[in-house]
């Protein structure tokens, strides 16, 4: 699915939200969520191909696959956190959106700990 199809899906969603939202706000929220999920899955397939490409590159080089896995997890958490946050903001739940963003940041920090540790060890070896 390319960007024009995604834009078309979103525009149809906007029209449906405008029409349905006048009479029933709850259905408008459901439409927003459905459109967001459709867009997410359309993009997710593209992300899978990027992840496969990176793993192919790693298998051909001496880079530790552990670090690439961590980086891919971090990217995934960042995208999912943003996606969940935007859905909450669409539903006018800004407090929940900020909680998702905060949780995403904490999880990224936790998952990045091995990379931070490796960098610190390399720096200490370099300085000694």
Protein backbone atom coordinates (compact mmCIF):
# COMPACT_ATOMS: atom_id res chain seq x y z
CA UNK A 1 0.00 0.00 0.00
CA UNK A 2 1.46 3.35 -0.96
CA UNK A 3 0.92 6.81 0.47
CA UNK A 4 -1.90 7.72 -1.93
CA UNK A 5 -3.93 4.74 -0.74
CA UNK A 6 -3.27 5.63 2.89
CA UNK A 7 -4.32 9.23 2.25
CA UNK A 8 -7.47 8.00 0.49
CA UNK A 9 -8.36 5.75 3.44
CA UNK A 10 -7.82 8.64 5.86
CA UNK A 11 -9.92 11.03 3.76
CA UNK A 12 -12.77 8.52 3.61
CA UNK A 13 -12.41 8.15 7.37
CA UNK A 14 -12.58 11.92 7.83
CA UNK A 15 -15.73 12.10 5.72
CA UNK A 16 -17.32 9.27 7.68
CA UNK A 17 -16.36 10.89 10.98
CA UNK A 18 -17.80 14.21 9.84
CA UNK A 19 -21.09 12.63 8.78
CA UNK A 20 -21.49 10.17 11.65
CA UNK A 21 -19.92 12.41 14.28
CA UNK A 22 -22.68 14.97 14.00
CA UNK A 23 -25.20 12.53 15.38
CA UNK A 24 -23.15 10.05 17.37
CA UNK A 25 -19.74 10.91 18.84
CA UNK A 26 -19.08 7.32 19.99
CA UNK A 27 -19.20 5.96 16.45
CA UNK A 28 -16.83 8.69 15.31
CA UNK A 29 -14.26 7.45 17.83
CA UNK A 30 -14.69 3.86 16.58
CA UNK A 31 -14.18 5.02 13.00
CA UNK A 32 -10.99 6.84 14.03
CA UNK A 33 -9.66 3.71 15.69
CA UNK A 34 -10.52 1.47 12.73
CA UNK A 35 -8.87 3.84 10.24
CA UNK A 36 -5.80 4.12 12.48
CA UNK A 37 -5.50 0.33 12.74
CA UNK A 38 -5.84 -0.07 8.96
CA UNK A 39 -3.09 2.49 8.40
CA UNK A 40 -0.91 0.89 11.06
CA UNK A 41 -1.13 -2.56 9.47
CA UNK A 42 -0.48 -1.10 6.03
CA UNK A 43 2.70 0.48 7.33
CA UNK A 44 3.64 -2.50 9.49
CA UNK A 45 4.17 -4.68 6.42
CA UNK A 46 6.67 -2.11 5.13
CA UNK A 47 8.47 -2.12 8.48
CA UNK A 48 8.80 -5.90 8.31
CA UNK A 49 10.66 -5.62 5.02
CA UNK A 50 13.04 -3.05 6.54
CA UNK A 51 13.67 -5.33 9.53
CA UNK A 52 14.41 -8.24 7.19
CA UNK A 53 16.82 -6.10 5.20
CA UNK A 54 18.66 -5.07 8.35
CA UNK A 55 18.93 -8.65 9.59
CA UNK A 56 20.30 -9.69 6.19
CA UNK A 57 22.93 -6.95 6.41
CA UNK A 58 23.85 -7.99 9.95
CA UNK A 59 24.29 -11.61 8.90
CA UNK A 60 26.84 -10.47 6.29
CA UNK A 61 28.84 -8.25 8.67
CA UNK A 62 30.56 -8.62 12.02
CA UNK A 63 28.00 -6.45 13.84
CA UNK A 64 26.45 -8.19 16.81
CA UNK A 65 22.88 -9.18 16.04
CA UNK A 66 21.99 -8.45 19.65
CA UNK A 67 22.53 -4.75 19.12
CA UNK A 68 20.47 -4.68 15.94
CA UNK A 69 17.65 -6.55 17.70
CA UNK A 70 17.72 -3.98 20.50
CA UNK A 71 17.66 -1.09 18.03
CA UNK A 72 14.71 -2.66 16.16
CA UNK A 73 12.85 -3.13 19.45
CA UNK A 74 13.49 0.49 20.37
CA UNK A 75 12.18 1.67 17.01
CA UNK A 76 9.13 -0.57 17.40
CA UNK A 77 8.38 0.76 20.88
CA UNK A 78 8.75 4.34 19.66
CA UNK A 79 6.35 3.80 16.75
CA UNK A 80 3.81 1.86 18.81
CA UNK A 81 3.91 4.42 21.61
CA UNK A 82 3.32 7.24 19.17
CA UNK A 83 0.52 5.30 17.49
CA UNK A 84 -1.23 4.53 20.79
CA UNK A 85 -0.74 8.09 21.98
CA UNK A 86 -2.29 9.51 18.81
CA UNK A 87 -5.31 7.22 19.15
CA UNK A 88 -5.82 8.45 22.70
CA UNK A 89 -5.45 12.07 21.58
CA UNK A 90 -8.03 11.45 18.83
CA UNK A 91 -10.40 10.30 21.57
CA UNK A 92 -9.60 13.45 23.60
CA UNK A 93 -7.82 11.38 26.25
CA UNK A 94 -4.67 13.48 26.54
CA UNK A 95 -3.84 12.17 30.02
CA UNK A 96 -3.77 8.59 28.75
CA UNK A 97 -1.77 9.68 25.71
CA UNK A 98 0.91 11.18 27.92
CA UNK A 99 1.03 7.99 30.02
CA UNK A 100 1.64 5.92 26.88
CA UNK A 101 4.41 8.30 25.79
CA UNK A 102 6.02 8.15 29.24
CA UNK A 103 5.81 4.35 29.37
CA UNK A 104 7.35 4.13 25.91
CA UNK A 105 10.27 6.31 26.96
CA UNK A 106 10.90 4.24 30.09
CA UNK A 107 10.75 0.97 28.13
CA UNK A 108 13.17 2.36 25.55
CA UNK A 109 15.58 3.29 28.32
CA UNK A 110 15.31 -0.17 29.88
CA UNK A 111 15.83 -1.96 26.57
CA UNK A 112 18.76 0.31 25.64
CA UNK A 113 20.64 -0.54 28.85
CA UNK A 114 22.87 -3.21 27.23
CA UNK A 115 23.95 -0.78 24.51
CA UNK A 116 24.63 1.97 27.06
CA UNK A 117 26.63 -0.50 29.16
CA UNK A 118 28.69 -1.61 26.15
CA UNK A 119 29.45 2.01 25.23
CA UNK A 120 30.50 2.81 28.79
CA UNK A 121 32.76 -0.26 28.89
CA UNK A 122 34.39 0.73 25.59
CA UNK A 123 34.91 4.27 26.87
CA UNK A 124 36.47 3.04 30.09
CA UNK A 125 38.78 0.70 28.12
CA UNK A 126 39.73 3.57 25.83
CA UNK A 127 40.50 5.96 28.68
CA UNK A 128 42.54 3.47 30.73
